[in-house]
Amino acid sequence: MHDKQHSRPSDPSSNIPEDDGPRPPASTPSPKNADLYQELLTKVRGNRAIADRLIEFERKKAPAADRNELIRRAIEGWLRDNQ
């Protein structure tokens, strides 16, 4: 008699690792996302490096927030700092 180890049914989805980290931004921005980013760019006089740094700063404070929310927070922070 052979001792068989307990085997589980093969489930292809069980091989997918769980995602615990923040999601990368969508490859195609939504119109609202593009509008918010454009608003942020206007505030920083077209300087994309500053806009992206402001977004990354907000990402560190709220890693679970989506890009739209991060941009909104960056705009609010810019407004607060530049009154």
PDB file of N, CA and C in Angstrom:
ATOM      1  N   MET A   1       0.841  -1.163   0.000  1.00  0.00           N
ATOM      2  CA  MET A   1       0.000   0.000   0.000  1.00  0.00           C
ATOM      3  C   MET A   1       0.893   1.235   0.000  1.00  0.00           C
ATOM      4  N   HIS A   2       0.571   2.190  -0.866  1.00  0.00           N
ATOM      5  CA  HIS A   2       1.347   3.409  -0.976  1.00  0.00           C
ATOM      6  C   HIS A   2       0.701   4.498  -0.140  1.00  0.00           C
ATOM      7  N   ASP A   3       1.522   5.231   0.569  1.00  0.00           N
ATOM      8  CA  ASP A   3       1.022   6.395   1.302  1.00  0.00           C
ATOM      9  C   ASP A   3       0.994   7.572   0.345  1.00  0.00           C
ATOM     10  N   LYS A   4      -0.182   8.053   0.080  1.00  0.00           N
ATOM     11  CA  LYS A   4      -0.310   9.208  -0.797  1.00  0.00           C
ATOM     12  C   LYS A   4      -0.432  10.459   0.055  1.00  0.00           C
ATOM     13  N   GLN A   5       0.258  11.501  -0.399  1.00  0.00           N
ATOM     14  CA  GLN A   5       0.113  12.782   0.283  1.00  0.00           C
ATOM     15  C   GLN A   5      -1.217  13.384  -0.132  1.00  0.00           C
ATOM     16  N   HIS A   6      -1.741  14.192   0.748  1.00  0.00           N
ATOM     17  CA  HIS A   6      -2.998  14.859   0.418  1.00  0.00           C
ATOM     18  C   HIS A   6      -2.746  15.775  -0.765  1.00  0.00           C
ATOM     19  N   SER A   7      -3.548  15.637  -1.777  1.00  0.00           N
ATOM     20  CA  SER A   7      -3.393  16.516  -2.932  1.00  0.00           C
ATOM     21  C   SER A   7      -4.618  17.399  -3.048  1.00  0.00           C
ATOM     22  N   ARG A   8      -4.369  18.619  -3.489  1.00  0.00           N
ATOM     23  CA  ARG A   8      -5.449  19.569  -3.683  1.00  0.00           C
ATOM     24  C   ARG A   8      -5.793  19.618  -5.159  1.00  0.00           C
ATOM     25  N   PRO A   9      -7.043  19.903  -5.471  1.00  0.00           N
ATOM     26  CA  PRO A   9      -7.389  20.052  -6.883  1.00  0.00           C
ATOM     27  C   PRO A   9      -6.587  21.198  -7.489  1.00  0.00           C
ATOM     28  N   SER A  10      -6.222  21.039  -8.718  1.00  0.00           N
ATOM     29  CA  SER A  10      -5.450  22.070  -9.398  1.00  0.00           C
ATOM     30  C   SER A  10      -6.350  23.249  -9.735  1.00  0.00           C
ATOM     31  N   ASP A  11      -5.959  24.404  -9.232  1.00  0.00           N
ATOM     32  CA  ASP A  11      -6.711  25.629  -9.482  1.00  0.00           C
ATOM     33  C   ASP A  11      -5.734  26.648 -10.062  1.00  0.00           C
ATOM     34  N   PRO A  12      -5.849  26.960 -11.359  1.00  0.00           N
ATOM     35  CA  PRO A  12      -4.897  27.886 -11.965  1.00  0.00           C
ATOM     36  C   PRO A  12      -4.857  29.244 -11.288  1.00  0.00           C
ATOM     37  N   SER A  13      -5.968  29.703 -10.736  1.00  0.00           N
ATOM     38  CA  SER A  13      -5.972  31.017 -10.102  1.00  0.00           C
ATOM     39  C   SER A  13      -5.209  31.008  -8.782  1.00  0.00           C
ATOM     40  N   SER A  14      -4.958  29.823  -8.216  1.00  0.00           N
ATOM     41  CA  SER A  14      -4.236  29.770  -6.952  1.00  0.00           C
ATOM     42  C   SER A  14      -2.755  30.075  -7.138  1.00  0.00           C
ATOM     43  N   ASN A  15      -2.275  30.064  -8.379  1.00  0.00           N
ATOM     44  CA  ASN A  15      -0.875  30.369  -8.650  1.00  0.00           C
ATOM     45  C   ASN A  15      -0.632  31.862  -8.806  1.00  0.00           C
ATOM     46  N   ILE A  16      -1.679  32.660  -8.777  1.00  0.00           N
ATOM     47  CA  ILE A  16      -1.553  34.097  -8.932  1.00  0.00           C
ATOM     48  C   ILE A  16      -1.241  34.698  -7.568  1.00  0.00           C
ATOM     49  N   PRO A  17      -0.122  35.429  -7.461  1.00  0.00           N
ATOM     50  CA  PRO A  17       0.209  36.022  -6.157  1.00  0.00           C
ATOM     51  C   PRO A  17      -0.784  37.120  -5.806  1.00  0.00           C
ATOM     52  N   GLU A  18      -0.997  37.284  -4.505  1.00  0.00           N
ATOM     53  CA  GLU A  18      -1.907  38.331  -4.061  1.00  0.00           C
ATOM     54  C   GLU A  18      -1.217  39.675  -4.198  1.00  0.00           C
ATOM     55  N   ASP A  19      -1.986  40.691  -4.512  1.00  0.00           N
ATOM     56  CA  ASP A  19      -1.451  42.029  -4.707  1.00  0.00           C
ATOM     57  C   ASP A  19      -1.683  42.837  -3.444  1.00  0.00           C
ATOM     58  N   ASP A  20      -0.601  43.081  -2.709  1.00  0.00           N
ATOM     59  CA  ASP A  20      -0.716  43.846  -1.476  1.00  0.00           C
ATOM     60  C   ASP A  20      -0.254  45.285  -1.651  1.00  0.00           C
ATOM     61  N   GLY A  21       0.425  45.595  -2.760  1.00  0.00           N
ATOM     62  CA  GLY A  21       0.988  46.925  -2.958  1.00  0.00           C
ATOM     63  C   GLY A  21       0.054  47.838  -3.717  1.00  0.00           C
ATOM     64  N   PRO A  22       0.469  49.083  -3.848  1.00  0.00           N
ATOM     65  CA  PRO A  22      -0.350  50.023  -4.613  1.00  0.00           C
ATOM     66  C   PRO A  22      -0.390  49.643  -6.082  1.00  0.00           C
ATOM     67  N   ARG A  23      -1.469  49.977  -6.707  1.00  0.00           N
ATOM     68  CA  ARG A  23      -1.613  49.653  -8.123  1.00  0.00           C
ATOM     69  C   ARG A  23      -0.937  50.714  -8.964  1.00  0.00           C
ATOM     70  N   PRO A  24      -0.309  50.313 -10.056  1.00  0.00           N
ATOM     71  CA  PRO A  24       0.286  51.316 -10.937  1.00  0.00           C
ATOM     72  C   PRO A  24      -0.813  52.116 -11.631  1.00  0.00           C
ATOM     73  N   PRO A  25      -0.501  53.316 -12.076  1.00  0.00           N
ATOM     74  CA  PRO A  25      -1.523  54.103 -12.760  1.00  0.00           C
ATOM     75  C   PRO A  25      -1.961  53.422 -14.044  1.00  0.00           C
ATOM     76  N   ALA A  26      -3.194  53.661 -14.412  1.00  0.00           N
ATOM     77  CA  ALA A  26      -3.706  53.082 -15.650  1.00  0.00           C
ATOM     78  C   ALA A  26      -2.890  53.597 -16.825  1.00  0.00           C
ATOM     79  N   SER A  27      -2.712  52.756 -17.834  1.00  0.00           N
ATOM     80  CA  SER A  27      -1.902  53.160 -18.972  1.00  0.00           C
ATOM     81  C   SER A  27      -2.572  54.267 -19.770  1.00  0.00           C
ATOM     82  N   THR A  28      -3.880  54.265 -19.812  1.00  0.00           N
ATOM     83  CA  THR A  28      -4.619  55.315 -20.503  1.00  0.00           C
ATOM     84  C   THR A  28      -5.393  56.114 -19.468  1.00  0.00           C
ATOM     85  N   PRO A  29      -5.012  57.368 -19.245  1.00  0.00           N
ATOM     86  CA  PRO A  29      -5.717  58.140 -18.225  1.00  0.00           C
ATOM     87  C   PRO A  29      -7.164  58.406 -18.615  1.00  0.00           C
ATOM     88  N   SER A  30      -8.023  58.402 -17.617  1.00  0.00           N
ATOM     89  CA  SER A  30      -9.422  58.725 -17.877  1.00  0.00           C
ATOM     90  C   SER A  30      -9.518  60.224 -18.164  1.00  0.00           C
ATOM     91  N   PRO A  31     -10.572  60.662 -18.848  1.00  0.00           N
ATOM     92  CA  PRO A  31     -10.707  62.097 -19.130  1.00  0.00           C
ATOM     93  C   PRO A  31     -10.659  62.956 -17.867  1.00  0.00           C
ATOM     94  N   LYS A  32     -11.314  62.505 -16.808  1.00  0.00           N
ATOM     95  CA  LYS A  32     -11.296  63.279 -15.565  1.00  0.00           C
ATOM     96  C   LYS A  32      -9.879  63.347 -15.015  1.00  0.00           C
ATOM     97  N   ASN A  33      -9.153  62.236 -15.075  1.00  0.00           N
ATOM     98  CA  ASN A  33      -7.779  62.184 -14.607  1.00  0.00           C
ATOM     99  C   ASN A  33      -6.918  63.152 -15.408  1.00  0.00           C
ATOM    100  N   ALA A  34      -7.082  63.158 -16.729  1.00  0.00           N
ATOM    101  CA  ALA A  34      -6.310  64.049 -17.587  1.00  0.00           C
ATOM    102  C   ALA A  34      -6.652  65.506 -17.278  1.00  0.00           C
ATOM    103  N   ASP A  35      -7.923  65.795 -17.029  1.00  0.00           N
ATOM    104  CA  ASP A  35      -8.334  67.158 -16.697  1.00  0.00           C
ATOM    105  C   ASP A  35      -7.703  67.620 -15.387  1.00  0.00           C
ATOM    106  N   LEU A  36      -7.698  66.755 -14.388  1.00  0.00           N
ATOM    107  CA  LEU A  36      -7.096  67.112 -13.102  1.00  0.00           C
ATOM    108  C   LEU A  36      -5.594  67.315 -13.253  1.00  0.00           C
ATOM    109  N   TYR A  37      -4.942  66.437 -14.000  1.00  0.00           N
ATOM    110  CA  TYR A  37      -3.500  66.576 -14.206  1.00  0.00           C
ATOM    111  C   TYR A  37      -3.220  67.892 -14.936  1.00  0.00           C
ATOM    112  N   GLN A  38      -4.041  68.227 -15.922  1.00  0.00           N
ATOM    113  CA  GLN A  38      -3.867  69.487 -16.646  1.00  0.00           C
ATOM    114  C   GLN A  38      -4.052  70.676 -15.709  1.00  0.00           C
ATOM    115  N   GLU A  39      -5.005  70.564 -14.799  1.00  0.00           N
ATOM    116  CA  GLU A  39      -5.214  71.636 -13.811  1.00  0.00           C
ATOM    117  C   GLU A  39      -3.983  71.788 -12.931  1.00  0.00           C
ATOM    118  N   LEU A  40      -3.420  70.665 -12.491  1.00  0.00           N
ATOM    119  CA  LEU A  40      -2.205  70.710 -11.678  1.00  0.00           C
ATOM    120  C   LEU A  40      -1.057  71.309 -12.485  1.00  0.00           C
ATOM    121  N   LEU A  41      -0.922  70.901 -13.735  1.00  0.00           N
ATOM    122  CA  LEU A  41       0.131  71.456 -14.589  1.00  0.00           C
ATOM    123  C   LEU A  41      -0.012  72.965 -14.734  1.00  0.00           C
ATOM    124  N   THR A  42      -1.236  73.434 -14.863  1.00  0.00           N
ATOM    125  CA  THR A  42      -1.474  74.877 -14.973  1.00  0.00           C
ATOM    126  C   THR A  42      -0.986  75.585 -13.716  1.00  0.00           C
ATOM    127  N   LYS A  43      -1.268  74.988 -12.561  1.00  0.00           N
ATOM    128  CA  LYS A  43      -0.861  75.595 -11.295  1.00  0.00           C
ATOM    129  C   LYS A  43       0.655  75.704 -11.196  1.00  0.00           C
ATOM    130  N   VAL A  44       1.373  74.678 -11.679  1.00  0.00           N
ATOM    131  CA  VAL A  44       2.838  74.668 -11.572  1.00  0.00           C
ATOM    132  C   VAL A  44       3.494  75.193 -12.850  1.00  0.00           C
ATOM    133  N   ARG A  45       2.712  75.936 -13.632  1.00  0.00           N
ATOM    134  CA  ARG A  45       3.194  76.602 -14.850  1.00  0.00           C
ATOM    135  C   ARG A  45       3.832  75.645 -15.843  1.00  0.00           C
ATOM    136  N   GLY A  46       3.195  74.468 -15.987  1.00  0.00           N
ATOM    137  CA  GLY A  46       3.622  73.507 -17.000  1.00  0.00           C
ATOM    138  C   GLY A  46       4.820  72.657 -16.624  1.00  0.00           C
ATOM    139  N   ASN A  47       5.294  72.764 -15.402  1.00  0.00           N
ATOM    140  CA  ASN A  47       6.474  72.015 -14.980  1.00  0.00           C
ATOM    141  C   ASN A  47       6.054  70.600 -14.552  1.00  0.00           C
ATOM    142  N   ARG A  48       6.214  69.634 -15.461  1.00  0.00           N
ATOM    143  CA  ARG A  48       5.801  68.251 -15.194  1.00  0.00           C
ATOM    144  C   ARG A  48       6.586  67.620 -14.050  1.00  0.00           C
ATOM    145  N   ALA A  49       7.849  67.975 -13.913  1.00  0.00           N
ATOM    146  CA  ALA A  49       8.666  67.413 -12.829  1.00  0.00           C
ATOM    147  C   ALA A  49       8.079  67.795 -11.472  1.00  0.00           C
ATOM    148  N   ILE A  50       7.694  69.054 -11.332  1.00  0.00           N
ATOM    149  CA  ILE A  50       7.084  69.497 -10.067  1.00  0.00           C
ATOM    150  C   ILE A  50       5.743  68.808  -9.866  1.00  0.00           C
ATOM    151  N   ALA A  51       4.925  68.735 -10.912  1.00  0.00           N
ATOM    152  CA  ALA A  51       3.612  68.082 -10.803  1.00  0.00           C
ATOM    153  C   ALA A  51       3.781  66.629 -10.364  1.00  0.00           C
ATOM    154  N   ASP A  52       4.714  65.923 -10.987  1.00  0.00           N
ATOM    155  CA  ASP A  52       4.930  64.514 -10.643  1.00  0.00           C
ATOM    156  C   ASP A  52       5.477  64.357  -9.229  1.00  0.00           C
ATOM    157  N   ARG A  53       6.339  65.280  -8.794  1.00  0.00           N
ATOM    158  CA  ARG A  53       6.844  65.216  -7.415  1.00  0.00           C
ATOM    159  C   ARG A  53       5.718  65.444  -6.412  1.00  0.00           C
ATOM    160  N   LEU A  54       4.821  66.379  -6.721  1.00  0.00           N
ATOM    161  CA  LEU A  54       3.683  66.621  -5.829  1.00  0.00           C
ATOM    162  C   LEU A  54       2.794  65.381  -5.732  1.00  0.00           C
ATOM    163  N   ILE A  55       2.578  64.706  -6.863  1.00  0.00           N
ATOM    164  CA  ILE A  55       1.761  63.486  -6.871  1.00  0.00           C
ATOM    165  C   ILE A  55       2.449  62.390  -6.063  1.00  0.00           C
ATOM    166  N   GLU A  56       3.756  62.221  -6.255  1.00  0.00           N
ATOM    167  CA  GLU A  56       4.494  61.195  -5.503  1.00  0.00           C
ATOM    168  C   GLU A  56       4.516  61.500  -4.011  1.00  0.00           C
ATOM    169  N   PHE A  57       4.610  62.776  -3.656  1.00  0.00           N
ATOM    170  CA  PHE A  57       4.548  63.176  -2.250  1.00  0.00           C
ATOM    171  C   PHE A  57       3.228  62.729  -1.637  1.00  0.00           C
ATOM    172  N   GLU A  58       2.136  62.948  -2.373  1.00  0.00           N
ATOM    173  CA  GLU A  58       0.818  62.533  -1.887  1.00  0.00           C
ATOM    174  C   GLU A  58       0.710  61.011  -1.839  1.00  0.00           C
ATOM    175  N   ARG A  59       1.349  60.300  -2.778  1.00  0.00           N
ATOM    176  CA  ARG A  59       1.323  58.833  -2.790  1.00  0.00           C
ATOM    177  C   ARG A  59       1.970  58.268  -1.530  1.00  0.00           C
ATOM    178  N   LYS A  60       3.031  58.912  -1.046  1.00  0.00           N
ATOM    179  CA  LYS A  60       3.688  58.446   0.182  1.00  0.00           C
ATOM    180  C   LYS A  60       2.780  58.609   1.390  1.00  0.00           C
ATOM    181  N   LYS A  61       1.951  59.644   1.372  1.00  0.00           N
ATOM    182  CA  LYS A  61       1.028  59.870   2.488  1.00  0.00           C
ATOM    183  C   LYS A  61      -0.213  58.987   2.388  1.00  0.00           C
ATOM    184  N   ALA A  62      -0.601  58.613   1.171  1.00  0.00           N
ATOM    185  CA  ALA A  62      -1.817  57.812   0.969  1.00  0.00           C
ATOM    186  C   ALA A  62      -1.555  56.767  -0.119  1.00  0.00           C
ATOM    187  N   PRO A  63      -0.782  55.712   0.208  1.00  0.00           N
ATOM    188  CA  PRO A  63      -0.395  54.731  -0.814  1.00  0.00           C
ATOM    189  C   PRO A  63      -1.555  53.975  -1.451  1.00  0.00           C
ATOM    190  N   ALA A  64      -2.687  53.906  -0.791  1.00  0.00           N
ATOM    191  CA  ALA A  64      -3.818  53.152  -1.349  1.00  0.00           C
ATOM    192  C   ALA A  64      -4.693  54.011  -2.270  1.00  0.00           C
ATOM    193  N   ALA A  65      -4.456  55.313  -2.298  1.00  0.00           N
ATOM    194  CA  ALA A  65      -5.291  56.206  -3.109  1.00  0.00           C
ATOM    195  C   ALA A  65      -5.006  56.002  -4.594  1.00  0.00           C
ATOM    196  N   ASP A  66      -6.037  56.155  -5.412  1.00  0.00           N
ATOM    197  CA  ASP A  66      -5.828  56.050  -6.856  1.00  0.00           C
ATOM    198  C   ASP A  66      -5.225  57.354  -7.379  1.00  0.00           C
ATOM    199  N   ARG A  67      -4.749  57.319  -8.606  1.00  0.00           N
ATOM    200  CA  ARG A  67      -4.043  58.472  -9.182  1.00  0.00           C
ATOM    201  C   ARG A  67      -4.925  59.721  -9.194  1.00  0.00           C
ATOM    202  N   ASN A  68      -6.183  59.562  -9.506  1.00  0.00           N
ATOM    203  CA  ASN A  68      -7.101  60.699  -9.522  1.00  0.00           C
ATOM    204  C   ASN A  68      -7.124  61.390  -8.154  1.00  0.00           C
ATOM    205  N   GLU A  69      -7.226  60.601  -7.112  1.00  0.00           N
ATOM    206  CA  GLU A  69      -7.253  61.139  -5.753  1.00  0.00           C
ATOM    207  C   GLU A  69      -5.923  61.809  -5.417  1.00  0.00           C
ATOM    208  N   LEU A  70      -4.821  61.200  -5.836  1.00  0.00           N
ATOM    209  CA  LEU A  70      -3.504  61.782  -5.557  1.00  0.00           C
ATOM    210  C   LEU A  70      -3.357  63.145  -6.231  1.00  0.00           C
ATOM    211  N   ILE A  71      -3.817  63.248  -7.464  1.00  0.00           N
ATOM    212  CA  ILE A  71      -3.733  64.521  -8.180  1.00  0.00           C
ATOM    213  C   ILE A  71      -4.609  65.563  -7.483  1.00  0.00           C
ATOM    214  N   ARG A  72      -5.803  65.149  -7.079  1.00  0.00           N
ATOM    215  CA  ARG A  72      -6.700  66.070  -6.366  1.00  0.00           C
ATOM    216  C   ARG A  72      -6.036  66.568  -5.082  1.00  0.00           C
ATOM    217  N   ARG A  73      -5.400  65.665  -4.349  1.00  0.00           N
ATOM    218  CA  ARG A  73      -4.713  66.049  -3.109  1.00  0.00           C
ATOM    219  C   ARG A  73      -3.535  66.968  -3.391  1.00  0.00           C
ATOM    220  N   ALA A  74      -2.819  66.697  -4.489  1.00  0.00           N
ATOM    221  CA  ALA A  74      -1.685  67.545  -4.866  1.00  0.00           C
ATOM    222  C   ALA A  74      -2.162  68.965  -5.174  1.00  0.00           C
ATOM    223  N   ILE A  75      -3.288  69.091  -5.868  1.00  0.00           N
ATOM    224  CA  ILE A  75      -3.853  70.407  -6.174  1.00  0.00           C
ATOM    225  C   ILE A  75      -4.243  71.112  -4.882  1.00  0.00           C
ATOM    226  N   GLU A  76      -4.909  70.388  -3.985  1.00  0.00           N
ATOM    227  CA  GLU A  76      -5.316  70.995  -2.711  1.00  0.00           C
ATOM    228  C   GLU A  76      -4.103  71.463  -1.915  1.00  0.00           C
ATOM    229  N   GLY A  77      -3.059  70.651  -1.888  1.00  0.00           N
ATOM    230  CA  GLY A  77      -1.837  71.031  -1.183  1.00  0.00           C
ATOM    231  C   GLY A  77      -1.186  72.250  -1.803  1.00  0.00           C
ATOM    232  N   TRP A  78      -1.161  72.298  -3.131  1.00  0.00           N
ATOM    233  CA  TRP A  78      -0.578  73.439  -3.821  1.00  0.00           C
ATOM    234  C   TRP A  78      -1.371  74.712  -3.492  1.00  0.00           C
ATOM    235  N   LEU A  79      -2.699  74.601  -3.532  1.00  0.00           N
ATOM    236  CA  LEU A  79      -3.544  75.752  -3.212  1.00  0.00           C
ATOM    237  C   LEU A  79      -3.300  76.240  -1.772  1.00  0.00           C
ATOM    238  N   ARG A  80      -3.215  75.290  -0.864  1.00  0.00           N
ATOM    239  CA  ARG A  80      -2.989  75.633   0.553  1.00  0.00           C
ATOM    240  C   ARG A  80      -1.632  76.318   0.735  1.00  0.00           C
ATOM    241  N   ASP A  81      -0.620  75.812   0.041  1.00  0.00           N
ATOM    242  CA  ASP A  81       0.730  76.360   0.197  1.00  0.00           C
ATOM    243  C   ASP A  81       0.951  77.670  -0.554  1.00  0.00           C
ATOM    244  N   ASN A  82       0.077  77.989  -1.491  1.00  0.00           N
ATOM    245  CA  ASN A  82       0.285  79.159  -2.339  1.00  0.00           C
ATOM    246  C   ASN A  82      -0.837  80.185  -2.217  1.00  0.00           C
ATOM    247  N   GLN A  83      -1.389  80.324  -1.033  1.00  0.00           N
ATOM    248  CA  GLN A  83      -2.450  81.318  -0.804  1.00  0.00           C
ATOM    249  C   GLN A  83      -1.855  82.698  -0.679  1.00  0.00           C
TER     250      GLN A  83
END
